[in-house]
Every structure is written in C-alpha cells, then in structure tokens.
Amino acid sequence: MASSVPELYGRIAGRFGELIHDCPQDRWEDPSPCPGWTARDVAAHVVSNHRRAVAGLDGSDYSAPGRGEDLARAWGAASGEVGAALRDPGKARALLGEEFGSLPFEEFVRRMACADTLIHGWDLARATGQDEALDPEAVAVATGILLPEDEDIRMPRAFGAKVPSARGADAQTRLLNFLGREV
C-alpha cells in the first residue's frame, strides 16, 4: 500500500536529516556529484527549497542558509515547518501559485521530496562517504514523476545527460543514471 504524503515525506526528510547530522565535519567542502557544488551547497539548496515551499503558503520571504548558518538547525526548522503544514489539512490542500506549478502544497511537497530531497540525499551521501541507499517507495514515486519530464529536466543547474544503466541494474541505480549520476 502506498504511503501518504506526510509518511513518505517524513521518511525522506528524516533520512536527509540523518545525513546532515552524521556528516563528518571535514567533509562539508568535499565536491558533490552536482557539478560545482560541495556537500554544503547541496544541503543548503535543499533547506532553501523547503523554506521556499513554506513561504509559498503565505507569500512570505525566504532565504538560502547563510555561509555560517548551522545546517542541522536550519534543516530541522525547515523540515519541521513543512511537516507541520502537511499535518494541517487547510495548508496541505492550499493551492500554491504559478511559481509552484499551481499545485496544492501537499502535491508540491511530494514532488519536492522525491525529485529534490531524495536525489540530493544521495548526492550528499556520496559526497560525504555515507550510506547511499534510498527509500525504495520514494525511488518508485520519483521515477513516476521524473521519467515523463525527461526533456524538460535536461537543462543547466537541473539534471544532466542520462548515463546508461548496466543490464539488471536496480531501480535506484536506473533512476540515478536517468538523472545523470554515475553510480
């Protein structure tokens, strides 16, 4: 049975939080699989997207984490706000503007969690030498979201060219290869 958005988000966000908390302090400046980004850049990007999602509910301003900002604290606050909004039926169903694809908040978070937080969780794990395993249900959801958008996601600062998958590759490897990650 498929998980609800709050359940799925909770697992993905929980795992991303673990990766931030468990990141060796000397690895934050290590390069990530995202060209030109360090592990810190990846984490800051995901925190920023969470802040942006919450700001979309009321039109408030948001900012990316500053260079000296505690990423674990920033992540805890941002993911906590998203989780709280998902548990509020009015906020979960609130329609976000065109900038967010005119989607209800809950659907935007499902897409953001699977197409951004999940994938960048792998990037952060790879950059910092942590466990790279992804939630299998989230991989299936991300595949369903991203495969139909193949041509639309091939642009600078998004996803790179596909990498061929080996015969018999598992679902996680096929998704990551589809998104341009060498596994």
N, C-alpha and C. Protein backbone atom coordinates (compact mmCIF):
# COMPACT_ATOMS: atom_id res chain seq x y z
N MET A 1 0.84 -1.18 0.00
CA MET A 1 0.00 0.00 0.00
C MET A 1 0.89 1.25 0.00
N ALA A 2 0.50 2.25 -0.77
CA ALA A 2 1.29 3.46 -0.89
C ALA A 2 1.20 4.30 0.38
N SER A 3 2.30 4.88 0.75
CA SER A 3 2.34 5.76 1.91
C SER A 3 1.65 7.07 1.60
N SER A 4 1.11 7.70 2.63
CA SER A 4 0.56 9.04 2.48
C SER A 4 1.73 10.00 2.26
N VAL A 5 1.42 11.19 1.75
CA VAL A 5 2.48 12.18 1.54
C VAL A 5 3.20 12.50 2.85
N PRO A 6 2.49 12.74 3.96
CA PRO A 6 3.22 13.01 5.20
C PRO A 6 4.13 11.86 5.62
N GLU A 7 3.72 10.62 5.42
CA GLU A 7 4.57 9.47 5.77
C GLU A 7 5.80 9.41 4.86
N LEU A 8 5.57 9.53 3.57
CA LEU A 8 6.67 9.48 2.61
C LEU A 8 7.64 10.63 2.87
N TYR A 9 7.08 11.82 3.03
CA TYR A 9 7.93 12.98 3.31
C TYR A 9 8.71 12.77 4.60
N GLY A 10 8.05 12.26 5.62
CA GLY A 10 8.71 12.04 6.90
C GLY A 10 9.92 11.13 6.78
N ARG A 11 9.80 10.08 6.00
CA ARG A 11 10.94 9.16 5.82
C ARG A 11 12.07 9.84 5.05
N ILE A 12 11.73 10.53 3.97
CA ILE A 12 12.76 11.18 3.15
C ILE A 12 13.44 12.29 3.95
N ALA A 13 12.64 13.11 4.62
CA ALA A 13 13.19 14.22 5.41
C ALA A 13 14.01 13.68 6.59
N GLY A 14 13.52 12.62 7.22
CA GLY A 14 14.27 12.02 8.33
C GLY A 14 15.64 11.54 7.89
N ARG A 15 15.67 10.88 6.74
CA ARG A 15 16.94 10.39 6.22
C ARG A 15 17.88 11.53 5.86
N PHE A 16 17.34 12.59 5.25
CA PHE A 16 18.18 13.73 4.89
C PHE A 16 18.76 14.36 6.17
N GLY A 17 17.93 14.46 7.20
CA GLY A 17 18.41 14.99 8.48
C GLY A 17 19.53 14.15 9.07
N GLU A 18 19.41 12.83 8.96
CA GLU A 18 20.48 11.94 9.44
C GLU A 18 21.78 12.21 8.69
N LEU A 19 21.67 12.39 7.38
CA LEU A 19 22.87 12.64 6.58
C LEU A 19 23.54 13.95 7.00
N ILE A 20 22.75 14.96 7.29
CA ILE A 20 23.32 16.23 7.74
C ILE A 20 23.98 16.05 9.11
N HIS A 21 23.25 15.44 10.03
CA HIS A 21 23.78 15.27 11.39
C HIS A 21 25.02 14.38 11.43
N ASP A 22 25.07 13.38 10.56
CA ASP A 22 26.17 12.42 10.57
C ASP A 22 27.32 12.80 9.65
N CYS A 23 27.20 13.93 8.99
CA CYS A 23 28.26 14.35 8.06
C CYS A 23 29.54 14.66 8.85
N PRO A 24 30.63 14.01 8.52
CA PRO A 24 31.89 14.37 9.17
C PRO A 24 32.21 15.84 8.90
N GLN A 25 32.59 16.55 9.93
CA GLN A 25 32.82 18.00 9.81
C GLN A 25 33.85 18.35 8.74
N ASP A 26 34.79 17.47 8.49
CA ASP A 26 35.81 17.76 7.49
C ASP A 26 35.37 17.43 6.06
N ARG A 27 34.10 17.03 5.88
CA ARG A 27 33.62 16.64 4.54
C ARG A 27 32.68 17.67 3.92
N TRP A 28 32.29 18.73 4.65
CA TRP A 28 31.31 19.68 4.12
C TRP A 28 31.77 20.39 2.85
N GLU A 29 33.05 20.54 2.67
CA GLU A 29 33.55 21.23 1.47
C GLU A 29 33.95 20.27 0.37
N ASP A 30 33.70 18.98 0.57
CA ASP A 30 34.01 17.99 -0.46
C ASP A 30 33.07 18.17 -1.65
N PRO A 31 33.57 17.89 -2.85
CA PRO A 31 32.71 18.03 -4.04
C PRO A 31 31.58 17.00 -4.03
N SER A 32 30.45 17.42 -4.55
CA SER A 32 29.29 16.52 -4.67
C SER A 32 29.17 16.06 -6.12
N PRO A 33 28.27 15.14 -6.40
CA PRO A 33 28.03 14.75 -7.79
C PRO A 33 27.40 15.87 -8.62
N CYS A 34 26.94 16.94 -7.99
CA CYS A 34 26.38 18.10 -8.69
C CYS A 34 27.54 19.01 -9.09
N PRO A 35 27.80 19.17 -10.38
CA PRO A 35 28.97 19.94 -10.81
C PRO A 35 29.03 21.33 -10.16
N GLY A 36 30.17 21.61 -9.57
CA GLY A 36 30.40 22.91 -8.96
C GLY A 36 29.84 23.08 -7.56
N TRP A 37 29.19 22.06 -7.04
CA TRP A 37 28.60 22.13 -5.69
C TRP A 37 29.36 21.25 -4.72
N THR A 38 29.52 21.77 -3.51
CA THR A 38 30.08 20.99 -2.41
C THR A 38 28.92 20.31 -1.67
N ALA A 39 29.29 19.47 -0.71
CA ALA A 39 28.27 18.85 0.14
C ALA A 39 27.44 19.94 0.84
N ARG A 40 28.10 20.98 1.32
CA ARG A 40 27.40 22.09 1.98
C ARG A 40 26.41 22.75 1.01
N ASP A 41 26.82 22.95 -0.24
CA ASP A 41 25.93 23.57 -1.23
C ASP A 41 24.68 22.73 -1.44
N VAL A 42 24.84 21.42 -1.50
CA VAL A 42 23.70 20.52 -1.70
C VAL A 42 22.72 20.66 -0.54
N ALA A 43 23.24 20.57 0.69
CA ALA A 43 22.38 20.68 1.87
C ALA A 43 21.70 22.05 1.91
N ALA A 44 22.43 23.11 1.63
CA ALA A 44 21.85 24.46 1.66
C ALA A 44 20.75 24.60 0.60
N HIS A 45 20.95 24.01 -0.55
CA HIS A 45 19.94 24.04 -1.62
C HIS A 45 18.64 23.39 -1.16
N VAL A 46 18.75 22.23 -0.53
CA VAL A 46 17.55 21.51 -0.08
C VAL A 46 16.85 22.29 1.03
N VAL A 47 17.61 22.85 1.96
CA VAL A 47 17.00 23.70 3.00
C VAL A 47 16.28 24.88 2.35
N SER A 48 16.93 25.51 1.39
CA SER A 48 16.32 26.65 0.71
C SER A 48 15.01 26.28 0.02
N ASN A 49 14.98 25.13 -0.63
CA ASN A 49 13.74 24.70 -1.29
C ASN A 49 12.62 24.46 -0.28
N HIS A 50 12.97 23.95 0.89
CA HIS A 50 11.96 23.76 1.93
C HIS A 50 11.45 25.10 2.44
N ARG A 51 12.35 26.04 2.63
CA ARG A 51 11.94 27.38 3.05
C ARG A 51 11.04 28.01 1.98
N ARG A 52 11.40 27.81 0.75
CA ARG A 52 10.60 28.35 -0.37
C ARG A 52 9.20 27.75 -0.37
N ALA A 53 9.09 26.46 -0.14
CA ALA A 53 7.78 25.80 -0.13
C ALA A 53 6.89 26.38 0.97
N VAL A 54 7.44 26.56 2.15
CA VAL A 54 6.65 27.11 3.26
C VAL A 54 6.27 28.56 2.96
N ALA A 55 7.19 29.31 2.39
CA ALA A 55 6.89 30.70 2.03
C ALA A 55 5.79 30.78 0.98
N GLY A 56 5.69 29.75 0.15
CA GLY A 56 4.64 29.73 -0.87
C GLY A 56 3.25 29.67 -0.30
N LEU A 57 3.13 29.25 0.95
CA LEU A 57 1.81 29.18 1.59
C LEU A 57 1.26 30.56 1.91
N ASP A 58 2.13 31.50 2.24
CA ASP A 58 1.64 32.82 2.65
C ASP A 58 2.32 33.99 1.92
N GLY A 59 3.18 33.67 0.96
CA GLY A 59 3.84 34.72 0.20
C GLY A 59 4.96 35.41 0.95
N SER A 60 5.41 34.83 2.06
CA SER A 60 6.48 35.45 2.83
C SER A 60 7.82 35.28 2.12
N ASP A 61 8.79 36.02 2.60
CA ASP A 61 10.13 35.92 2.05
C ASP A 61 10.85 34.72 2.65
N TYR A 62 11.85 34.26 1.96
CA TYR A 62 12.70 33.18 2.46
C TYR A 62 14.10 33.44 1.94
N SER A 63 15.06 32.78 2.53
CA SER A 63 16.44 32.91 2.06
C SER A 63 17.14 31.57 2.18
N ALA A 64 18.16 31.44 1.39
CA ALA A 64 19.02 30.25 1.49
C ALA A 64 19.84 30.38 2.77
N PRO A 65 20.26 29.26 3.33
CA PRO A 65 21.11 29.34 4.53
C PRO A 65 22.39 30.12 4.23
N GLY A 66 22.76 30.97 5.15
CA GLY A 66 24.00 31.73 5.02
C GLY A 66 25.20 30.84 5.25
N ARG A 67 26.34 31.30 4.82
CA ARG A 67 27.57 30.50 4.90
C ARG A 67 27.87 30.01 6.31
N GLY A 68 27.64 30.80 7.32
CA GLY A 68 27.95 30.39 8.68
C GLY A 68 26.78 29.77 9.42
N GLU A 69 25.64 29.63 8.75
CA GLU A 69 24.45 29.10 9.41
C GLU A 69 24.60 27.61 9.70
N ASP A 70 24.11 27.20 10.85
CA ASP A 70 24.14 25.80 11.27
C ASP A 70 23.14 25.02 10.40
N LEU A 71 23.65 24.17 9.51
CA LEU A 71 22.78 23.46 8.58
C LEU A 71 21.86 22.46 9.28
N ALA A 72 22.31 21.84 10.34
CA ALA A 72 21.45 20.90 11.07
C ALA A 72 20.27 21.65 11.68
N ARG A 73 20.53 22.77 12.27
CA ARG A 73 19.46 23.58 12.87
C ARG A 73 18.53 24.11 11.76
N ALA A 74 19.10 24.60 10.68
CA ALA A 74 18.30 25.12 9.56
C ALA A 74 17.42 24.02 8.98
N TRP A 75 17.99 22.83 8.82
CA TRP A 75 17.22 21.71 8.28
C TRP A 75 16.09 21.34 9.23
N GLY A 76 16.39 21.25 10.52
CA GLY A 76 15.37 20.90 11.49
C GLY A 76 14.19 21.86 11.47
N ALA A 77 14.49 23.14 11.38
CA ALA A 77 13.43 24.15 11.34
C ALA A 77 12.63 24.06 10.04
N ALA A 78 13.33 23.99 8.92
CA ALA A 78 12.64 23.98 7.61
C ALA A 78 11.80 22.72 7.43
N SER A 79 12.38 21.56 7.73
CA SER A 79 11.62 20.32 7.55
C SER A 79 10.50 20.23 8.58
N GLY A 80 10.71 20.78 9.76
CA GLY A 80 9.65 20.81 10.76
C GLY A 80 8.46 21.65 10.31
N GLU A 81 8.74 22.78 9.67
CA GLU A 81 7.65 23.62 9.17
C GLU A 81 6.89 22.93 8.04
N VAL A 82 7.60 22.26 7.15
CA VAL A 82 6.93 21.53 6.07
C VAL A 82 6.07 20.42 6.66
N GLY A 83 6.62 19.67 7.60
CA GLY A 83 5.86 18.59 8.23
C GLY A 83 4.61 19.11 8.93
N ALA A 84 4.73 20.23 9.64
CA ALA A 84 3.58 20.81 10.33
C ALA A 84 2.51 21.25 9.33
N ALA A 85 2.93 21.84 8.23
CA ALA A 85 1.97 22.26 7.20
C ALA A 85 1.26 21.06 6.58
N LEU A 86 1.97 19.97 6.40
CA LEU A 86 1.34 18.75 5.86
C LEU A 86 0.30 18.18 6.80
N ARG A 87 0.51 18.36 8.10
CA ARG A 87 -0.46 17.85 9.09
C ARG A 87 -1.67 18.77 9.27
N ASP A 88 -1.60 19.97 8.71
CA ASP A 88 -2.71 20.92 8.78
C ASP A 88 -3.51 20.78 7.48
N PRO A 89 -4.74 20.22 7.54
CA PRO A 89 -5.49 19.96 6.30
C PRO A 89 -5.68 21.21 5.42
N GLY A 90 -5.88 22.36 6.02
CA GLY A 90 -6.05 23.57 5.22
C GLY A 90 -4.78 23.94 4.47
N LYS A 91 -3.66 23.86 5.14
CA LYS A 91 -2.38 24.18 4.49
C LYS A 91 -2.00 23.10 3.49
N ALA A 92 -2.24 21.85 3.82
CA ALA A 92 -1.89 20.75 2.91
C ALA A 92 -2.62 20.88 1.58
N ARG A 93 -3.86 21.35 1.62
CA ARG A 93 -4.66 21.48 0.39
C ARG A 93 -4.53 22.86 -0.27
N ALA A 94 -3.85 23.79 0.41
CA ALA A 94 -3.73 25.15 -0.13
C ALA A 94 -3.07 25.13 -1.50
N LEU A 95 -3.65 25.85 -2.43
CA LEU A 95 -3.13 25.92 -3.78
C LEU A 95 -1.99 26.94 -3.84
N LEU A 96 -0.83 26.49 -4.28
CA LEU A 96 0.31 27.37 -4.44
C LEU A 96 0.25 28.03 -5.81
N GLY A 97 0.90 29.14 -5.98
CA GLY A 97 0.85 29.91 -7.21
C GLY A 97 1.58 29.27 -8.38
N GLU A 98 1.59 30.02 -9.48
CA GLU A 98 2.21 29.53 -10.73
C GLU A 98 3.67 29.15 -10.55
N GLU A 99 4.38 29.87 -9.70
CA GLU A 99 5.79 29.57 -9.46
C GLU A 99 5.97 28.12 -9.01
N PHE A 100 4.93 27.56 -8.41
CA PHE A 100 4.96 26.20 -7.90
C PHE A 100 4.15 25.25 -8.77
N GLY A 101 3.82 25.66 -9.96
CA GLY A 101 3.05 24.82 -10.86
C GLY A 101 1.57 24.78 -10.54
N SER A 102 1.10 25.76 -9.75
CA SER A 102 -0.31 25.83 -9.33
C SER A 102 -0.78 24.51 -8.72
N LEU A 103 0.07 23.93 -7.90
CA LEU A 103 -0.22 22.65 -7.24
C LEU A 103 -0.65 22.89 -5.80
N PRO A 104 -1.46 21.97 -5.26
CA PRO A 104 -1.70 22.02 -3.82
C PRO A 104 -0.36 21.79 -3.09
N PHE A 105 -0.21 22.39 -1.92
CA PHE A 105 1.02 22.28 -1.14
C PHE A 105 1.45 20.83 -0.98
N GLU A 106 0.52 19.96 -0.64
CA GLU A 106 0.84 18.55 -0.41
C GLU A 106 1.44 17.90 -1.65
N GLU A 107 0.89 18.20 -2.81
CA GLU A 107 1.43 17.61 -4.05
C GLU A 107 2.79 18.21 -4.38
N PHE A 108 2.95 19.50 -4.15
CA PHE A 108 4.25 20.11 -4.38
C PHE A 108 5.30 19.46 -3.48
N VAL A 109 4.96 19.23 -2.21
CA VAL A 109 5.90 18.61 -1.29
C VAL A 109 6.22 17.19 -1.73
N ARG A 110 5.25 16.44 -2.21
CA ARG A 110 5.50 15.08 -2.70
C ARG A 110 6.53 15.13 -3.82
N ARG A 111 6.35 16.04 -4.73
CA ARG A 111 7.28 16.17 -5.85
C ARG A 111 8.66 16.65 -5.36
N MET A 112 8.66 17.66 -4.49
CA MET A 112 9.92 18.20 -3.98
C MET A 112 10.68 17.13 -3.20
N ALA A 113 9.97 16.39 -2.36
CA ALA A 113 10.64 15.37 -1.54
C ALA A 113 11.26 14.29 -2.41
N CYS A 114 10.54 13.86 -3.43
CA CYS A 114 11.03 12.75 -4.25
C CYS A 114 11.97 13.18 -5.36
N ALA A 115 11.77 14.35 -5.92
CA ALA A 115 12.60 14.78 -7.05
C ALA A 115 13.75 15.68 -6.62
N ASP A 116 13.76 16.13 -5.38
CA ASP A 116 14.82 17.04 -4.93
C ASP A 116 15.48 16.49 -3.67
N THR A 117 14.75 16.38 -2.59
CA THR A 117 15.33 15.97 -1.32
C THR A 117 15.90 14.55 -1.41
N LEU A 118 15.17 13.65 -1.98
CA LEU A 118 15.63 12.26 -2.12
C LEU A 118 16.92 12.18 -2.93
N ILE A 119 16.89 12.78 -4.11
CA ILE A 119 18.04 12.69 -5.01
C ILE A 119 19.25 13.41 -4.42
N HIS A 120 19.01 14.60 -3.85
CA HIS A 120 20.13 15.30 -3.23
C HIS A 120 20.60 14.62 -1.95
N GLY A 121 19.74 13.81 -1.35
CA GLY A 121 20.20 12.98 -0.24
C GLY A 121 21.27 12.01 -0.70
N TRP A 122 21.04 11.43 -1.88
CA TRP A 122 22.05 10.54 -2.45
C TRP A 122 23.33 11.33 -2.74
N ASP A 123 23.16 12.53 -3.32
CA ASP A 123 24.33 13.37 -3.62
C ASP A 123 25.13 13.67 -2.35
N LEU A 124 24.42 14.02 -1.28
CA LEU A 124 25.08 14.34 -0.01
C LEU A 124 25.77 13.10 0.56
N ALA A 125 25.10 11.96 0.49
CA ALA A 125 25.71 10.71 0.97
C ALA A 125 26.97 10.38 0.17
N ARG A 126 26.89 10.50 -1.13
CA ARG A 126 28.04 10.20 -1.99
C ARG A 126 29.20 11.15 -1.68
N ALA A 127 28.90 12.43 -1.52
CA ALA A 127 29.95 13.43 -1.27
C ALA A 127 30.63 13.24 0.07
N THR A 128 29.90 12.70 1.03
CA THR A 128 30.42 12.64 2.40
C THR A 128 30.72 11.22 2.89
N GLY A 129 30.66 10.25 1.98
CA GLY A 129 31.01 8.88 2.33
C GLY A 129 30.02 8.18 3.22
N GLN A 130 28.74 8.52 3.11
CA GLN A 130 27.71 7.89 3.94
C GLN A 130 26.91 6.87 3.11
N ASP A 131 26.03 6.16 3.79
CA ASP A 131 25.20 5.14 3.15
C ASP A 131 24.34 5.79 2.06
N GLU A 132 24.41 5.27 0.85
CA GLU A 132 23.72 5.85 -0.30
C GLU A 132 22.37 5.21 -0.60
N ALA A 133 21.91 4.30 0.22
CA ALA A 133 20.63 3.62 -0.04
C ALA A 133 19.48 4.62 0.06
N LEU A 134 18.57 4.53 -0.90
CA LEU A 134 17.39 5.39 -0.94
C LEU A 134 16.15 4.58 -0.62
N ASP A 135 15.14 5.25 -0.11
CA ASP A 135 13.85 4.63 0.21
C ASP A 135 13.25 4.07 -1.09
N PRO A 136 12.99 2.76 -1.14
CA PRO A 136 12.50 2.15 -2.39
C PRO A 136 11.17 2.72 -2.88
N GLU A 137 10.25 2.99 -1.98
CA GLU A 137 8.97 3.58 -2.42
C GLU A 137 9.20 4.97 -2.99
N ALA A 138 10.07 5.75 -2.35
CA ALA A 138 10.36 7.09 -2.85
C ALA A 138 11.04 7.04 -4.22
N VAL A 139 11.89 6.04 -4.43
CA VAL A 139 12.51 5.86 -5.75
C VAL A 139 11.44 5.61 -6.80
N ALA A 140 10.47 4.76 -6.48
CA ALA A 140 9.38 4.47 -7.43
C ALA A 140 8.55 5.73 -7.71
N VAL A 141 8.25 6.50 -6.67
CA VAL A 141 7.49 7.74 -6.86
C VAL A 141 8.29 8.72 -7.71
N ALA A 142 9.57 8.89 -7.38
CA ALA A 142 10.42 9.81 -8.14
C ALA A 142 10.50 9.39 -9.61
N THR A 143 10.62 8.11 -9.85
CA THR A 143 10.68 7.61 -11.23
C THR A 143 9.40 7.96 -11.96
N GLY A 144 8.26 7.77 -11.31
CA GLY A 144 6.97 8.12 -11.92
C GLY A 144 6.82 9.60 -12.20
N ILE A 145 7.41 10.43 -11.37
CA ILE A 145 7.35 11.88 -11.56
C ILE A 145 8.31 12.33 -12.66
N LEU A 146 9.54 11.83 -12.63
CA LEU A 146 10.60 12.38 -13.46
C LEU A 146 10.69 11.79 -14.87
N LEU A 147 10.40 10.52 -15.06
CA LEU A 147 10.51 9.94 -16.40
C LEU A 147 9.68 10.67 -17.44
N PRO A 148 8.43 11.02 -17.14
CA PRO A 148 7.65 11.74 -18.15
C PRO A 148 8.17 13.16 -18.44
N GLU A 149 9.02 13.68 -17.57
CA GLU A 149 9.55 15.03 -17.74
C GLU A 149 10.95 15.02 -18.33
N ASP A 150 11.33 13.93 -18.94
CA ASP A 150 12.68 13.70 -19.44
C ASP A 150 13.28 14.93 -20.13
N GLU A 151 12.66 15.41 -21.17
CA GLU A 151 13.23 16.53 -21.93
C GLU A 151 13.22 17.83 -21.14
N ASP A 152 12.21 18.03 -20.30
CA ASP A 152 12.09 19.27 -19.54
C ASP A 152 13.14 19.43 -18.45
N ILE A 153 13.70 18.32 -17.97
CA ILE A 153 14.66 18.41 -16.87
C ILE A 153 16.10 18.47 -17.34
N ARG A 154 16.35 18.39 -18.63
CA ARG A 154 17.72 18.43 -19.16
C ARG A 154 18.11 19.87 -19.43
N MET A 155 18.54 20.54 -18.39
CA MET A 155 18.95 21.94 -18.54
C MET A 155 20.03 22.25 -17.52
N PRO A 156 20.75 23.35 -17.74
CA PRO A 156 21.77 23.72 -16.76
C PRO A 156 21.16 23.89 -15.37
N ARG A 157 21.90 23.48 -14.35
CA ARG A 157 21.50 23.58 -12.94
C ARG A 157 20.31 22.70 -12.60
N ALA A 158 20.00 21.74 -13.46
CA ALA A 158 18.93 20.77 -13.17
C ALA A 158 19.56 19.39 -13.24
N PHE A 159 19.17 18.60 -14.22
CA PHE A 159 19.72 17.26 -14.35
C PHE A 159 20.52 17.14 -15.63
N GLY A 160 21.63 16.44 -15.55
CA GLY A 160 22.49 16.27 -16.70
C GLY A 160 22.04 15.17 -17.63
N ALA A 161 22.89 14.89 -18.58
CA ALA A 161 22.61 13.85 -19.57
C ALA A 161 22.51 12.49 -18.88
N LYS A 162 21.65 11.65 -19.42
CA LYS A 162 21.47 10.30 -18.88
C LYS A 162 22.76 9.50 -18.99
N VAL A 163 22.95 8.62 -18.03
CA VAL A 163 24.06 7.69 -18.02
C VAL A 163 23.46 6.31 -18.27
N PRO A 164 24.01 5.53 -19.20
CA PRO A 164 23.44 4.20 -19.44
C PRO A 164 23.54 3.32 -18.19
N SER A 165 22.48 2.59 -17.93
CA SER A 165 22.45 1.67 -16.79
C SER A 165 22.90 0.29 -17.25
N ALA A 166 23.62 -0.38 -16.39
CA ALA A 166 24.04 -1.75 -16.66
C ALA A 166 22.82 -2.67 -16.71
N ARG A 167 22.91 -3.71 -17.47
CA ARG A 167 21.84 -4.71 -17.53
C ARG A 167 21.60 -5.24 -16.12
N GLY A 168 20.34 -5.30 -15.73
CA GLY A 168 19.99 -5.81 -14.41
C GLY A 168 20.16 -4.81 -13.27
N ALA A 169 20.41 -3.54 -13.61
CA ALA A 169 20.58 -2.53 -12.56
C ALA A 169 19.29 -2.40 -11.76
N ASP A 170 19.44 -2.13 -10.48
CA ASP A 170 18.26 -1.97 -9.62
C ASP A 170 17.57 -0.63 -9.89
N ALA A 171 16.38 -0.46 -9.32
CA ALA A 171 15.57 0.74 -9.56
C ALA A 171 16.28 2.01 -9.14
N GLN A 172 16.99 1.98 -8.01
CA GLN A 172 17.71 3.17 -7.56
C GLN A 172 18.79 3.55 -8.56
N THR A 173 19.56 2.59 -9.01
CA THR A 173 20.63 2.86 -9.97
C THR A 173 20.06 3.38 -11.28
N ARG A 174 18.98 2.78 -11.77
CA ARG A 174 18.37 3.24 -13.02
C ARG A 174 17.90 4.68 -12.89
N LEU A 175 17.26 5.03 -11.76
CA LEU A 175 16.81 6.41 -11.56
C LEU A 175 17.99 7.37 -11.51
N LEU A 176 18.99 7.04 -10.73
CA LEU A 176 20.15 7.92 -10.63
C LEU A 176 20.85 8.08 -11.97
N ASN A 177 20.99 7.00 -12.73
CA ASN A 177 21.57 7.08 -14.07
C ASN A 177 20.72 7.96 -14.99
N PHE A 178 19.41 7.80 -14.90
CA PHE A 178 18.50 8.63 -15.69
C PHE A 178 18.72 10.11 -15.40
N LEU A 179 19.07 10.42 -14.14
CA LEU A 179 19.29 11.81 -13.73
C LEU A 179 20.72 12.26 -13.90
N GLY A 180 21.53 11.44 -14.58
CA GLY A 180 22.89 11.86 -14.89
C GLY A 180 23.94 11.53 -13.85
N ARG A 181 23.57 10.72 -12.85
CA ARG A 181 24.52 10.36 -11.80
C ARG A 181 25.24 9.07 -12.17
N GLU A 182 26.55 9.09 -12.01
CA GLU A 182 27.37 7.88 -12.17
C GLU A 182 27.28 7.12 -10.86
N VAL A 183 26.90 5.87 -10.93
CA VAL A 183 26.75 5.07 -9.71
C VAL A 183 27.80 3.98 -9.71
